[in-house]
Amino acid sequence: MANQSKSFRMMPGLELEEIVGSVEAYLRGEKYMETQSSATTDGFVLQASQPKDGWKTISGTRLAITVQFMQVSDVLNVTIGEGQWSDKLGAGAIGWFVAWPLAITAGLGAVRQKKLPAEIFAEIEKIIMLGGRQIAINGAGAKVKEGMIVCPSCKTQNNAGFKFCKKCGARLQNNCPDCGYPLAPDAHFCTNCGKKLV
């Protein structure tokens, strides 16, 4: 797979770090990938891969990707590099000669890997269009149970004492479900908008 690149016009007030953080949260929450990002002289590099486990590696379904972010003035250039194709090729070869189901799973893994850049580009476009804000629609979604807090990245309900999300690993804080204002874990009302929380 060759590198794929796309340019985006940045919205005023939106920082590159917000976009990188949101893409990391998307990959952790939606694709169950481990992520690592670092600043470079030109922007940021983000590497993400699904955890190594025997079945995903053998079957060729493990996803991996490298995303490079480079901002020049108000233009963001994003280049998505090759993922791990060696495990898909290996599983396909083994499947072809030994166990034919591995050839099928390797093919499915290759399709998922090939679709990942377009999904990341779509997520970046959405982040830019929303100005980095997460939009909450009143009356939508599950009701937050008493003693639980909602993960800001993947919206999973977690026990109020948790410091990190049990699903995506994002840092947790108690936020108002209406205005998103950070609150103390034991708050009963939002100190910003006054919404009753319990």
C-alpha atoms as a PDB file:
ATOM      1  CA  MET A   1       0.000   0.000   0.000  1.00  0.00           C
ATOM      2  CA  ALA A   2       1.409   3.391  -1.004  1.00  0.00           C
ATOM      3  CA  ASN A   3       1.241   6.427   1.267  1.00  0.00           C
ATOM      4  CA  GLN A   4      -1.983   8.415   1.022  1.00  0.00           C
ATOM      5  CA  SER A   5      -2.094  12.182   1.563  1.00  0.00           C
ATOM      6  CA  LYS A   6      -4.835  14.745   1.959  1.00  0.00           C
ATOM      7  CA  SER A   7      -4.882  18.460   2.794  1.00  0.00           C
ATOM      8  CA  PHE A   8      -7.422  20.214   5.015  1.00  0.00           C
ATOM      9  CA  ARG A   9      -8.106  23.891   5.700  1.00  0.00           C
ATOM     10  CA  MET A  10      -7.816  24.545   9.451  1.00  0.00           C
ATOM     11  CA  MET A  11     -10.576  26.429  11.250  1.00  0.00           C
ATOM     12  CA  PRO A  12      -9.495  29.535  13.206  1.00  0.00           C
ATOM     13  CA  GLY A  13      -8.740  28.726  16.848  1.00  0.00           C
ATOM     14  CA  LEU A  14      -8.350  24.973  16.259  1.00  0.00           C
ATOM     15  CA  GLU A  15      -4.969  23.638  17.349  1.00  0.00           C
ATOM     16  CA  LEU A  16      -3.103  20.763  15.706  1.00  0.00           C
ATOM     17  CA  GLU A  17      -2.733  19.067  19.106  1.00  0.00           C
ATOM     18  CA  GLU A  18      -6.552  18.898  19.402  1.00  0.00           C
ATOM     19  CA  ILE A  19      -6.814  17.104  16.070  1.00  0.00           C
ATOM     20  CA  VAL A  20      -4.049  14.627  16.930  1.00  0.00           C
ATOM     21  CA  GLY A  21      -5.651  13.921  20.324  1.00  0.00           C
ATOM     22  CA  SER A  22      -9.079  13.401  18.743  1.00  0.00           C
ATOM     23  CA  VAL A  23      -7.673  11.014  16.116  1.00  0.00           C
ATOM     24  CA  GLU A  24      -5.911   9.073  18.895  1.00  0.00           C
ATOM     25  CA  ALA A  25      -9.197   8.848  20.830  1.00  0.00           C
ATOM     26  CA  TYR A  26     -10.990   7.661  17.679  1.00  0.00           C
ATOM     27  CA  LEU A  27      -8.411   4.926  17.006  1.00  0.00           C
ATOM     28  CA  ARG A  28      -8.473   3.776  20.656  1.00  0.00           C
ATOM     29  CA  GLY A  29     -12.246   3.891  21.026  1.00  0.00           C
ATOM     30  CA  GLU A  30     -13.452   2.747  17.599  1.00  0.00           C
ATOM     31  CA  LYS A  31     -10.607   0.537  16.348  1.00  0.00           C
ATOM     32  CA  TYR A  32      -9.286  -0.704  19.717  1.00  0.00           C
ATOM     33  CA  MET A  33      -5.743   0.308  18.768  1.00  0.00           C
ATOM     34  CA  GLU A  34      -2.849   1.256  20.998  1.00  0.00           C
ATOM     35  CA  THR A  35      -1.585   4.705  20.031  1.00  0.00           C
ATOM     36  CA  GLN A  36       1.550   6.756  20.481  1.00  0.00           C
ATOM     37  CA  SER A  37       2.130  10.276  19.179  1.00  0.00           C
ATOM     38  CA  SER A  38       5.093  12.604  19.304  1.00  0.00           C
ATOM     39  CA  ALA A  39       5.869  16.122  18.148  1.00  0.00           C
ATOM     40  CA  THR A  40       8.320  16.504  15.281  1.00  0.00           C
ATOM     41  CA  THR A  41       9.986  19.570  13.782  1.00  0.00           C
ATOM     42  CA  ASP A  42       7.227  19.640  11.135  1.00  0.00           C
ATOM     43  CA  GLY A  43       4.174  18.667  13.226  1.00  0.00           C
ATOM     44  CA  PHE A  44       3.203  15.322  14.768  1.00  0.00           C
ATOM     45  CA  VAL A  45       3.588  11.627  14.031  1.00  0.00           C
ATOM     46  CA  LEU A  46       0.983   9.184  15.301  1.00  0.00           C
ATOM     47  CA  GLN A  47       1.519   5.432  15.286  1.00  0.00           C
ATOM     48  CA  ALA A  48      -1.307   3.053  16.079  1.00  0.00           C
ATOM     49  CA  SER A  49      -1.715  -0.703  16.043  1.00  0.00           C
ATOM     50  CA  GLN A  50      -3.981  -3.293  17.509  1.00  0.00           C
ATOM     51  CA  PRO A  51      -2.344  -5.254  20.321  1.00  0.00           C
ATOM     52  CA  LYS A  52      -0.340  -8.272  19.259  1.00  0.00           C
ATOM     53  CA  ASP A  53      -2.202 -11.421  20.033  1.00  0.00           C
ATOM     54  CA  GLY A  54      -1.760 -14.812  18.501  1.00  0.00           C
ATOM     55  CA  TRP A  55      -5.027 -15.011  16.580  1.00  0.00           C
ATOM     56  CA  LYS A  56      -5.006 -11.558  14.932  1.00  0.00           C
ATOM     57  CA  THR A  57      -1.383 -11.961  13.876  1.00  0.00           C
ATOM     58  CA  ILE A  58      -1.827 -15.508  12.554  1.00  0.00           C
ATOM     59  CA  SER A  59      -5.101 -14.676  10.793  1.00  0.00           C
ATOM     60  CA  GLY A  60      -3.755 -11.434   9.292  1.00  0.00           C
ATOM     61  CA  THR A  61      -6.517  -9.236  10.738  1.00  0.00           C
ATOM     62  CA  ARG A  62      -4.367  -6.980  12.974  1.00  0.00           C
ATOM     63  CA  LEU A  63      -4.499  -3.278  11.997  1.00  0.00           C
ATOM     64  CA  ALA A  64      -1.525  -0.905  12.134  1.00  0.00           C
ATOM     65  CA  ILE A  65      -0.985   2.576  10.718  1.00  0.00           C
ATOM     66  CA  THR A  66       1.287   5.634  10.822  1.00  0.00           C
ATOM     67  CA  VAL A  67      -0.204   9.125  10.426  1.00  0.00           C
ATOM     68  CA  GLN A  68       1.931  12.225   9.869  1.00  0.00           C
ATOM     69  CA  PHE A  69       0.411  15.661  10.542  1.00  0.00           C
ATOM     70  CA  MET A  70       2.126  18.763   9.117  1.00  0.00           C
ATOM     71  CA  GLN A  71       0.617  22.239   9.366  1.00  0.00           C
ATOM     72  CA  VAL A  72       1.732  25.127   7.142  1.00  0.00           C
ATOM     73  CA  SER A  73      -0.147  28.331   7.921  1.00  0.00           C
ATOM     74  CA  ASP A  74      -3.848  27.348   7.855  1.00  0.00           C
ATOM     75  CA  VAL A  75      -3.372  24.175   5.792  1.00  0.00           C
ATOM     76  CA  LEU A  76      -3.038  20.772   7.455  1.00  0.00           C
ATOM     77  CA  ASN A  77      -1.325  18.075   5.386  1.00  0.00           C
ATOM     78  CA  VAL A  78      -1.976  14.526   6.573  1.00  0.00           C
ATOM     79  CA  THR A  79      -0.012  11.563   5.209  1.00  0.00           C
ATOM     80  CA  ILE A  80      -1.011   8.036   6.165  1.00  0.00           C
ATOM     81  CA  GLY A  81       1.723   5.449   5.770  1.00  0.00           C
ATOM     82  CA  GLU A  82       1.755   1.757   5.205  1.00  0.00           C
ATOM     83  CA  GLY A  83       0.456  -0.472   7.935  1.00  0.00           C
ATOM     84  CA  GLN A  84       1.467  -4.017   8.701  1.00  0.00           C
ATOM     85  CA  TRP A  85       1.030  -5.964   5.509  1.00  0.00           C
ATOM     86  CA  SER A  86       3.595  -8.659   6.317  1.00  0.00           C
ATOM     87  CA  ASP A  87       1.225 -10.516   8.671  1.00  0.00           C
ATOM     88  CA  LYS A  88      -1.518 -10.441   6.018  1.00  0.00           C
ATOM     89  CA  LEU A  89       0.841 -11.749   3.347  1.00  0.00           C
ATOM     90  CA  GLY A  90       2.143 -14.447   5.688  1.00  0.00           C
ATOM     91  CA  ALA A  91      -1.340 -15.551   6.713  1.00  0.00           C
ATOM     92  CA  GLY A  92      -2.440 -15.529   3.082  1.00  0.00           C
ATOM     93  CA  ALA A  93       0.504 -17.670   2.008  1.00  0.00           C
ATOM     94  CA  ILE A  94      -0.022 -20.143   4.858  1.00  0.00           C
ATOM     95  CA  GLY A  95      -3.739 -20.168   4.091  1.00  0.00           C
ATOM     96  CA  TRP A  96      -3.135 -20.809   0.399  1.00  0.00           C
ATOM     97  CA  PHE A  97      -0.991 -23.869   1.045  1.00  0.00           C
ATOM     98  CA  VAL A  98      -2.034 -25.199   4.459  1.00  0.00           C
ATOM     99  CA  ALA A  99      -5.274 -23.866   5.953  1.00  0.00           C
ATOM    100  CA  TRP A 100      -7.496 -22.127   3.400  1.00  0.00           C
ATOM    101  CA  PRO A 101      -9.578 -20.192   6.018  1.00  0.00           C
ATOM    102  CA  LEU A 102      -6.442 -18.147   6.818  1.00  0.00           C
ATOM    103  CA  ALA A 103      -6.393 -16.930   3.214  1.00  0.00           C
ATOM    104  CA  ILE A 104      -9.940 -15.593   3.723  1.00  0.00           C
ATOM    105  CA  THR A 105      -9.165 -13.873   7.042  1.00  0.00           C
ATOM    106  CA  ALA A 106      -5.976 -12.387   5.566  1.00  0.00           C
ATOM    107  CA  GLY A 107      -8.064 -11.006   2.698  1.00  0.00           C
ATOM    108  CA  LEU A 108     -10.561  -9.507   5.145  1.00  0.00           C
ATOM    109  CA  GLY A 109      -7.670  -8.008   7.137  1.00  0.00           C
ATOM    110  CA  ALA A 110      -6.251  -6.472   3.946  1.00  0.00           C
ATOM    111  CA  VAL A 111      -9.645  -4.913   3.122  1.00  0.00           C
ATOM    112  CA  ARG A 112      -9.955  -3.436   6.640  1.00  0.00           C
ATOM    113  CA  GLN A 113      -6.368  -2.136   6.454  1.00  0.00           C
ATOM    114  CA  LYS A 114      -7.014  -0.555   3.040  1.00  0.00           C
ATOM    115  CA  LYS A 115     -10.204   1.208   4.288  1.00  0.00           C
ATOM    116  CA  LEU A 116      -8.524   2.640   7.416  1.00  0.00           C
ATOM    117  CA  PRO A 117      -6.913   5.726   5.767  1.00  0.00           C
ATOM    118  CA  ALA A 118     -10.265   6.882   4.321  1.00  0.00           C
ATOM    119  CA  GLU A 119     -11.871   6.432   7.754  1.00  0.00           C
ATOM    120  CA  ILE A 120      -9.119   8.508   9.404  1.00  0.00           C
ATOM    121  CA  PHE A 121      -9.435  11.255   6.753  1.00  0.00           C
ATOM    122  CA  ALA A 122     -13.211  11.349   7.367  1.00  0.00           C
ATOM    123  CA  GLU A 123     -12.647  11.614  11.135  1.00  0.00           C
ATOM    124  CA  ILE A 124     -10.175  14.510  10.672  1.00  0.00           C
ATOM    125  CA  GLU A 125     -12.661  16.295   8.412  1.00  0.00           C
ATOM    126  CA  LYS A 126     -15.371  15.872  11.051  1.00  0.00           C
ATOM    127  CA  ILE A 127     -13.066  17.200  13.804  1.00  0.00           C
ATOM    128  CA  ILE A 128     -12.204  20.268  11.717  1.00  0.00           C
ATOM    129  CA  MET A 129     -15.846  20.905  10.769  1.00  0.00           C
ATOM    130  CA  LEU A 130     -16.859  20.808  14.456  1.00  0.00           C
ATOM    131  CA  GLY A 131     -13.945  23.050  15.427  1.00  0.00           C
ATOM    132  CA  GLY A 132     -12.594  20.355  17.758  1.00  0.00           C
ATOM    133  CA  ARG A 133     -15.797  20.368  19.839  1.00  0.00           C
ATOM    134  CA  GLN A 134     -17.775  17.261  20.636  1.00  0.00           C
ATOM    135  CA  ILE A 135     -21.434  17.807  19.873  1.00  0.00           C
ATOM    136  CA  ALA A 136     -24.002  16.379  22.302  1.00  0.00           C
ATOM    137  CA  ILE A 137     -27.659  16.187  21.357  1.00  0.00           C
ATOM    138  CA  ASN A 138     -30.031  16.571  24.296  1.00  0.00           C
ATOM    139  CA  GLY A 139     -32.284  13.582  24.842  1.00  0.00           C
ATOM    140  CA  ALA A 140     -30.043  11.196  22.882  1.00  0.00           C
ATOM    141  CA  GLY A 141     -28.068   8.284  24.218  1.00  0.00           C
ATOM    142  CA  ALA A 142     -28.289   6.164  27.329  1.00  0.00           C
ATOM    143  CA  LYS A 143     -29.067   7.726  30.693  1.00  0.00           C
ATOM    144  CA  VAL A 144     -26.015   7.976  32.936  1.00  0.00           C
ATOM    145  CA  LYS A 145     -26.463   5.672  35.911  1.00  0.00           C
ATOM    146  CA  GLU A 146     -25.906   6.945  39.443  1.00  0.00           C
ATOM    147  CA  GLY A 147     -22.269   6.681  40.536  1.00  0.00           C
ATOM    148  CA  MET A 148     -21.032   6.534  36.948  1.00  0.00           C
ATOM    149  CA  ILE A 149     -19.165   9.009  34.739  1.00  0.00           C
ATOM    150  CA  VAL A 150     -19.045   9.119  30.953  1.00  0.00           C
ATOM    151  CA  CYS A 151     -15.766   8.799  29.048  1.00  0.00           C
ATOM    152  CA  PRO A 152     -15.226  11.988  26.988  1.00  0.00           C
ATOM    153  CA  SER A 153     -13.658   9.956  24.143  1.00  0.00           C
ATOM    154  CA  CYS A 154     -15.836   6.862  23.616  1.00  0.00           C
ATOM    155  CA  LYS A 155     -18.913   7.695  25.795  1.00  0.00           C
ATOM    156  CA  THR A 156     -18.631   4.472  27.842  1.00  0.00           C
ATOM    157  CA  GLN A 157     -20.025   4.667  31.394  1.00  0.00           C
ATOM    158  CA  ASN A 158     -17.364   4.047  34.048  1.00  0.00           C
ATOM    159  CA  ASN A 159     -17.404   3.926  37.847  1.00  0.00           C
ATOM    160  CA  ALA A 160     -16.864   7.386  39.338  1.00  0.00           C
ATOM    161  CA  GLY A 161     -13.634   6.251  41.015  1.00  0.00           C
ATOM    162  CA  PHE A 162     -11.949   5.210  37.758  1.00  0.00           C
ATOM    163  CA  LYS A 163      -9.159   7.459  36.484  1.00  0.00           C
ATOM    164  CA  PHE A 164      -9.032   5.891  33.000  1.00  0.00           C
ATOM    165  CA  CYS A 165     -11.789   4.525  30.766  1.00  0.00           C
ATOM    166  CA  LYS A 166     -12.302   0.771  30.939  1.00  0.00           C
ATOM    167  CA  LYS A 167     -12.971   0.626  27.171  1.00  0.00           C
ATOM    168  CA  CYS A 168     -10.565   3.046  25.454  1.00  0.00           C
ATOM    169  CA  GLY A 169      -8.079   4.026  28.187  1.00  0.00           C
ATOM    170  CA  ALA A 170      -8.775   7.789  27.934  1.00  0.00           C
ATOM    171  CA  ARG A 171      -8.293   9.891  31.057  1.00  0.00           C
ATOM    172  CA  LEU A 172     -11.617  10.378  32.837  1.00  0.00           C
ATOM    173  CA  GLN A 173     -13.113  13.355  34.527  1.00  0.00           C
ATOM    174  CA  ASN A 174     -16.693  14.001  35.492  1.00  0.00           C
ATOM    175  CA  ASN A 175     -18.226  16.327  32.873  1.00  0.00           C
ATOM    176  CA  CYS A 176     -21.690  17.840  32.746  1.00  0.00           C
ATOM    177  CA  PRO A 177     -23.793  15.920  30.183  1.00  0.00           C
ATOM    178  CA  ASP A 178     -25.363  19.213  28.978  1.00  0.00           C
ATOM    179  CA  CYS A 179     -22.492  21.695  28.723  1.00  0.00           C
ATOM    180  CA  GLY A 180     -19.410  19.453  29.131  1.00  0.00           C
ATOM    181  CA  TYR A 181     -18.005  21.504  32.025  1.00  0.00           C
ATOM    182  CA  PRO A 182     -15.524  19.501  34.213  1.00  0.00           C
ATOM    183  CA  LEU A 183     -16.982  18.680  37.626  1.00  0.00           C
ATOM    184  CA  ALA A 184     -15.951  17.051  40.878  1.00  0.00           C
ATOM    185  CA  PRO A 185     -16.722  13.287  40.874  1.00  0.00           C
ATOM    186  CA  ASP A 186     -19.255  13.694  43.716  1.00  0.00           C
ATOM    187  CA  ALA A 187     -21.094  16.728  42.207  1.00  0.00           C
ATOM    188  CA  HIS A 188     -24.900  16.619  42.172  1.00  0.00           C
ATOM    189  CA  PHE A 189     -25.340  19.811  40.105  1.00  0.00           C
ATOM    190  CA  CYS A 190     -23.254  21.377  37.327  1.00  0.00           C
ATOM    191  CA  THR A 191     -21.421  24.421  38.681  1.00  0.00           C
ATOM    192  CA  ASN A 192     -21.491  25.992  35.203  1.00  0.00           C
ATOM    193  CA  CYS A 193     -25.084  25.542  33.941  1.00  0.00           C
ATOM    194  CA  GLY A 194     -26.911  24.270  37.053  1.00  0.00           C
ATOM    195  CA  LYS A 195     -28.149  20.977  35.533  1.00  0.00           C
ATOM    196  CA  LYS A 196     -29.131  18.370  38.131  1.00  0.00           C
ATOM    197  CA  LEU A 197     -26.800  15.379  37.657  1.00  0.00           C
ATOM    198  CA  VAL A 198     -28.302  12.703  39.878  1.00  0.00           C
END
